[in-house]
């Protein structure tokens, strides 16, 4: 299991406990995790409730890790001179 998959599983477990979801109902839980991760606002203040604060940090870490490969790919392309300014797209 990759680090990204491990983090997503931890988010699912905590979300199931917080929201009272059945951890065996993977379809519902996966959809809920996807909704929460995509709707996450990184600029929002961390919740005061400990479990929600943990979830907030887990989602932030997950998204940072998920988005990292794209950043690395962009750096490699830029180093090769293959990244162009938007006005070059015309």
N, C-alpha and C. Protein backbone atom coordinates (compact mmCIF):
# COMPACT_ATOMS: atom_id res chain seq x y z
N UNK A 1 0.85 -1.17 0.00
CA UNK A 1 0.00 0.00 0.00
C UNK A 1 0.90 1.24 0.00
N UNK A 2 0.64 2.18 -0.92
CA UNK A 2 1.44 3.39 -1.01
C UNK A 2 1.13 4.33 0.15
N UNK A 3 1.97 5.31 0.33
CA UNK A 3 1.76 6.28 1.40
C UNK A 3 0.45 7.05 1.18
N UNK A 4 0.14 7.33 -0.07
CA UNK A 4 -1.10 8.03 -0.39
C UNK A 4 -2.32 7.18 -0.03
N UNK A 5 -2.26 5.89 -0.37
CA UNK A 5 -3.36 4.98 -0.03
C UNK A 5 -3.50 4.82 1.48
N UNK A 6 -2.38 4.78 2.19
CA UNK A 6 -2.41 4.66 3.64
C UNK A 6 -3.07 5.88 4.27
N UNK A 7 -2.73 7.06 3.78
CA UNK A 7 -3.33 8.29 4.30
C UNK A 7 -4.83 8.34 4.00
N UNK A 8 -5.22 7.91 2.81
CA UNK A 8 -6.64 7.91 2.44
C UNK A 8 -7.42 6.93 3.33
N UNK A 9 -6.84 5.78 3.61
CA UNK A 9 -7.48 4.80 4.49
C UNK A 9 -7.65 5.35 5.90
N UNK A 10 -6.65 6.09 6.38
CA UNK A 10 -6.74 6.69 7.71
C UNK A 10 -7.84 7.75 7.75
N UNK A 11 -7.96 8.52 6.67
CA UNK A 11 -9.04 9.51 6.57
C UNK A 11 -10.38 8.80 6.60
N UNK A 12 -10.51 7.71 5.86
CA UNK A 12 -11.77 6.96 5.82
C UNK A 12 -12.13 6.42 7.20
N UNK A 13 -11.16 5.88 7.90
CA UNK A 13 -11.43 5.34 9.24
C UNK A 13 -11.90 6.42 10.20
N UNK A 14 -11.20 7.55 10.20
CA UNK A 14 -11.57 8.63 11.11
C UNK A 14 -12.92 9.23 10.71
N UNK A 15 -13.15 9.41 9.44
CA UNK A 15 -14.42 9.96 8.97
C UNK A 15 -15.58 9.04 9.33
N UNK A 16 -15.37 7.73 9.22
CA UNK A 16 -16.42 6.77 9.60
C UNK A 16 -16.75 6.91 11.08
N UNK A 17 -15.74 7.08 11.91
CA UNK A 17 -15.99 7.24 13.36
C UNK A 17 -16.69 8.56 13.66
N UNK A 18 -16.24 9.63 13.04
CA UNK A 18 -16.82 10.95 13.31
C UNK A 18 -18.27 11.02 12.86
N UNK A 19 -18.55 10.50 11.67
CA UNK A 19 -19.88 10.64 11.09
C UNK A 19 -20.77 9.42 11.31
N UNK A 20 -20.27 8.42 12.01
CA UNK A 20 -21.07 7.24 12.29
C UNK A 20 -21.39 6.40 11.06
N UNK A 21 -20.47 6.40 10.09
CA UNK A 21 -20.66 5.61 8.87
C UNK A 21 -20.22 4.18 9.10
N UNK A 22 -20.80 3.27 8.36
CA UNK A 22 -20.43 1.86 8.44
C UNK A 22 -19.11 1.66 7.69
N UNK A 23 -18.03 1.29 8.40
CA UNK A 23 -16.74 1.13 7.72
C UNK A 23 -16.73 -0.02 6.70
N UNK A 24 -17.71 -0.90 6.78
CA UNK A 24 -17.79 -2.01 5.83
C UNK A 24 -18.46 -1.60 4.51
N UNK A 25 -19.18 -0.48 4.52
CA UNK A 25 -19.85 0.01 3.31
C UNK A 25 -18.86 0.89 2.55
N UNK A 26 -17.96 0.24 1.83
CA UNK A 26 -16.86 0.93 1.16
C UNK A 26 -17.33 1.94 0.12
N UNK A 27 -18.41 1.64 -0.58
CA UNK A 27 -18.87 2.55 -1.63
C UNK A 27 -19.30 3.89 -1.02
N UNK A 28 -20.09 3.85 0.03
CA UNK A 28 -20.54 5.07 0.68
C UNK A 28 -19.37 5.80 1.31
N UNK A 29 -18.51 5.07 1.98
CA UNK A 29 -17.37 5.67 2.65
C UNK A 29 -16.40 6.29 1.63
N UNK A 30 -16.11 5.59 0.54
CA UNK A 30 -15.22 6.13 -0.49
C UNK A 30 -15.79 7.41 -1.09
N UNK A 31 -17.10 7.42 -1.34
CA UNK A 31 -17.73 8.62 -1.90
C UNK A 31 -17.65 9.78 -0.91
N UNK A 32 -17.87 9.49 0.36
CA UNK A 32 -17.82 10.54 1.38
C UNK A 32 -16.39 11.09 1.52
N UNK A 33 -15.40 10.21 1.49
CA UNK A 33 -14.00 10.65 1.57
C UNK A 33 -13.69 11.55 0.37
N UNK A 34 -14.11 11.14 -0.81
CA UNK A 34 -13.85 11.93 -2.01
C UNK A 34 -14.48 13.32 -1.89
N UNK A 35 -15.71 13.37 -1.40
CA UNK A 35 -16.41 14.64 -1.23
C UNK A 35 -15.67 15.54 -0.23
N UNK A 36 -15.26 14.97 0.88
CA UNK A 36 -14.59 15.74 1.93
C UNK A 36 -13.22 16.22 1.45
N UNK A 37 -12.47 15.37 0.78
CA UNK A 37 -11.14 15.74 0.31
C UNK A 37 -11.23 16.83 -0.76
N UNK A 38 -12.13 16.68 -1.71
CA UNK A 38 -12.25 17.68 -2.78
C UNK A 38 -12.84 18.99 -2.29
N UNK A 39 -13.68 18.93 -1.27
CA UNK A 39 -14.29 20.14 -0.73
C UNK A 39 -13.47 20.82 0.34
N UNK A 40 -12.31 20.28 0.64
CA UNK A 40 -11.45 20.81 1.70
C UNK A 40 -10.93 22.19 1.33
N UNK A 41 -11.02 23.11 2.28
CA UNK A 41 -10.50 24.47 2.10
C UNK A 41 -9.23 24.60 2.93
N UNK A 42 -8.06 24.59 2.29
CA UNK A 42 -6.82 24.66 3.04
C UNK A 42 -6.65 25.95 3.83
N UNK A 43 -7.39 26.98 3.47
CA UNK A 43 -7.30 28.25 4.17
C UNK A 43 -8.23 28.34 5.37
N UNK A 44 -9.10 27.35 5.54
CA UNK A 44 -10.04 27.37 6.66
C UNK A 44 -9.29 27.14 7.97
N UNK A 45 -9.75 27.77 9.03
CA UNK A 45 -9.09 27.53 10.32
C UNK A 45 -9.30 26.09 10.80
N UNK A 46 -8.34 25.60 11.54
CA UNK A 46 -8.43 24.24 12.06
C UNK A 46 -9.56 24.18 13.09
N UNK A 47 -10.43 23.18 13.00
CA UNK A 47 -11.53 23.06 13.97
C UNK A 47 -11.03 22.88 15.39
N UNK A 48 -11.85 23.28 16.35
CA UNK A 48 -11.44 23.17 17.75
C UNK A 48 -11.69 21.76 18.31
N UNK A 49 -12.64 21.04 17.74
CA UNK A 49 -12.92 19.67 18.19
C UNK A 49 -11.74 18.78 17.80
N UNK A 50 -11.16 18.02 18.74
CA UNK A 50 -9.95 17.25 18.46
C UNK A 50 -10.06 16.29 17.27
N UNK A 51 -11.15 15.56 17.15
CA UNK A 51 -11.27 14.60 16.05
C UNK A 51 -11.35 15.32 14.71
N UNK A 52 -12.09 16.42 14.67
CA UNK A 52 -12.20 17.20 13.43
C UNK A 52 -10.87 17.88 13.09
N UNK A 53 -10.13 18.29 14.11
CA UNK A 53 -8.81 18.88 13.89
C UNK A 53 -7.86 17.84 13.30
N UNK A 54 -7.92 16.62 13.81
CA UNK A 54 -7.11 15.53 13.25
C UNK A 54 -7.48 15.28 11.80
N UNK A 55 -8.78 15.26 11.51
CA UNK A 55 -9.25 15.04 10.14
C UNK A 55 -8.76 16.17 9.24
N UNK A 56 -8.83 17.38 9.71
CA UNK A 56 -8.37 18.54 8.95
C UNK A 56 -6.89 18.37 8.57
N UNK A 57 -6.06 18.00 9.55
CA UNK A 57 -4.62 17.82 9.29
C UNK A 57 -4.38 16.65 8.34
N UNK A 58 -5.13 15.57 8.51
CA UNK A 58 -4.96 14.40 7.64
C UNK A 58 -5.31 14.74 6.19
N UNK A 59 -6.39 15.47 6.01
CA UNK A 59 -6.80 15.83 4.65
C UNK A 59 -5.76 16.77 4.03
N UNK A 60 -5.28 17.72 4.80
CA UNK A 60 -4.26 18.65 4.30
C UNK A 60 -3.01 17.88 3.87
N UNK A 61 -2.56 16.95 4.71
CA UNK A 61 -1.38 16.14 4.39
C UNK A 61 -1.62 15.28 3.15
N UNK A 62 -2.80 14.69 3.07
CA UNK A 62 -3.15 13.84 1.93
C UNK A 62 -3.11 14.66 0.63
N UNK A 63 -3.75 15.82 0.65
CA UNK A 63 -3.78 16.65 -0.55
C UNK A 63 -2.39 17.14 -0.93
N UNK A 64 -1.58 17.48 0.06
CA UNK A 64 -0.20 17.90 -0.22
C UNK A 64 0.57 16.77 -0.90
N UNK A 65 0.42 15.57 -0.38
CA UNK A 65 1.12 14.42 -0.95
C UNK A 65 0.57 14.09 -2.34
N UNK A 66 -0.73 14.14 -2.50
CA UNK A 66 -1.37 13.85 -3.78
C UNK A 66 -0.93 14.83 -4.86
N UNK A 67 -0.79 16.09 -4.49
CA UNK A 67 -0.46 17.12 -5.47
C UNK A 67 1.03 17.23 -5.73
N UNK A 68 1.85 16.63 -4.91
CA UNK A 68 3.30 16.71 -5.04
C UNK A 68 3.82 16.14 -6.36
N UNK A 69 3.38 14.98 -6.83
CA UNK A 69 3.93 14.45 -8.08
C UNK A 69 3.75 15.41 -9.26
N UNK A 70 2.63 16.10 -9.33
CA UNK A 70 2.41 17.04 -10.42
C UNK A 70 3.42 18.18 -10.33
N UNK A 71 3.69 18.64 -9.12
CA UNK A 71 4.68 19.69 -8.93
C UNK A 71 6.06 19.23 -9.38
N UNK A 72 6.40 18.01 -9.01
CA UNK A 72 7.71 17.48 -9.40
C UNK A 72 7.80 17.34 -10.92
N UNK A 73 6.72 16.89 -11.55
CA UNK A 73 6.71 16.74 -13.01
C UNK A 73 6.88 18.10 -13.67
N UNK A 74 6.21 19.12 -13.14
CA UNK A 74 6.35 20.46 -13.71
C UNK A 74 7.76 20.98 -13.59
N UNK A 75 8.42 20.69 -12.48
CA UNK A 75 9.81 21.12 -12.30
C UNK A 75 10.70 20.44 -13.32
N UNK A 76 10.50 19.14 -13.51
CA UNK A 76 11.32 18.42 -14.49
C UNK A 76 11.11 18.99 -15.90
N UNK A 77 9.86 19.27 -16.25
CA UNK A 77 9.58 19.84 -17.57
C UNK A 77 10.21 21.22 -17.71
N UNK A 78 10.14 22.02 -16.67
CA UNK A 78 10.73 23.36 -16.71
C UNK A 78 12.24 23.28 -16.88
N UNK A 79 12.86 22.31 -16.21
CA UNK A 79 14.30 22.15 -16.33
C UNK A 79 14.70 21.78 -17.76
N UNK A 80 13.81 21.09 -18.46
CA UNK A 80 14.07 20.70 -19.84
C UNK A 80 13.65 21.81 -20.82
N UNK A 81 13.04 22.87 -20.29
CA UNK A 81 12.60 23.97 -21.16
C UNK A 81 11.30 23.66 -21.87
N UNK A 82 10.51 22.74 -21.34
CA UNK A 82 9.28 22.33 -22.01
C UNK A 82 8.03 22.97 -21.43
N UNK A 83 8.18 23.96 -20.58
CA UNK A 83 7.03 24.66 -20.01
C UNK A 83 6.98 26.03 -20.64
N UNK A 84 5.79 26.37 -21.14
CA UNK A 84 5.65 27.63 -21.86
C UNK A 84 4.68 28.54 -21.12
N UNK A 85 4.82 29.79 -21.32
CA UNK A 85 3.90 30.77 -20.74
C UNK A 85 2.54 30.62 -21.42
N UNK A 86 1.45 30.96 -20.73
CA UNK A 86 0.11 30.83 -21.30
C UNK A 86 -0.04 31.54 -22.64
N UNK A 87 0.64 32.67 -22.81
CA UNK A 87 0.50 33.39 -24.09
C UNK A 87 1.15 32.63 -25.24
N UNK A 88 1.99 31.65 -24.96
CA UNK A 88 2.60 30.84 -26.00
C UNK A 88 1.67 29.75 -26.52
N UNK A 89 0.52 29.56 -25.87
CA UNK A 89 -0.40 28.51 -26.26
C UNK A 89 -1.19 28.85 -27.52
N UNK A 90 -1.23 30.09 -27.90
CA UNK A 90 -2.06 30.52 -29.04
C UNK A 90 -1.50 30.06 -30.35
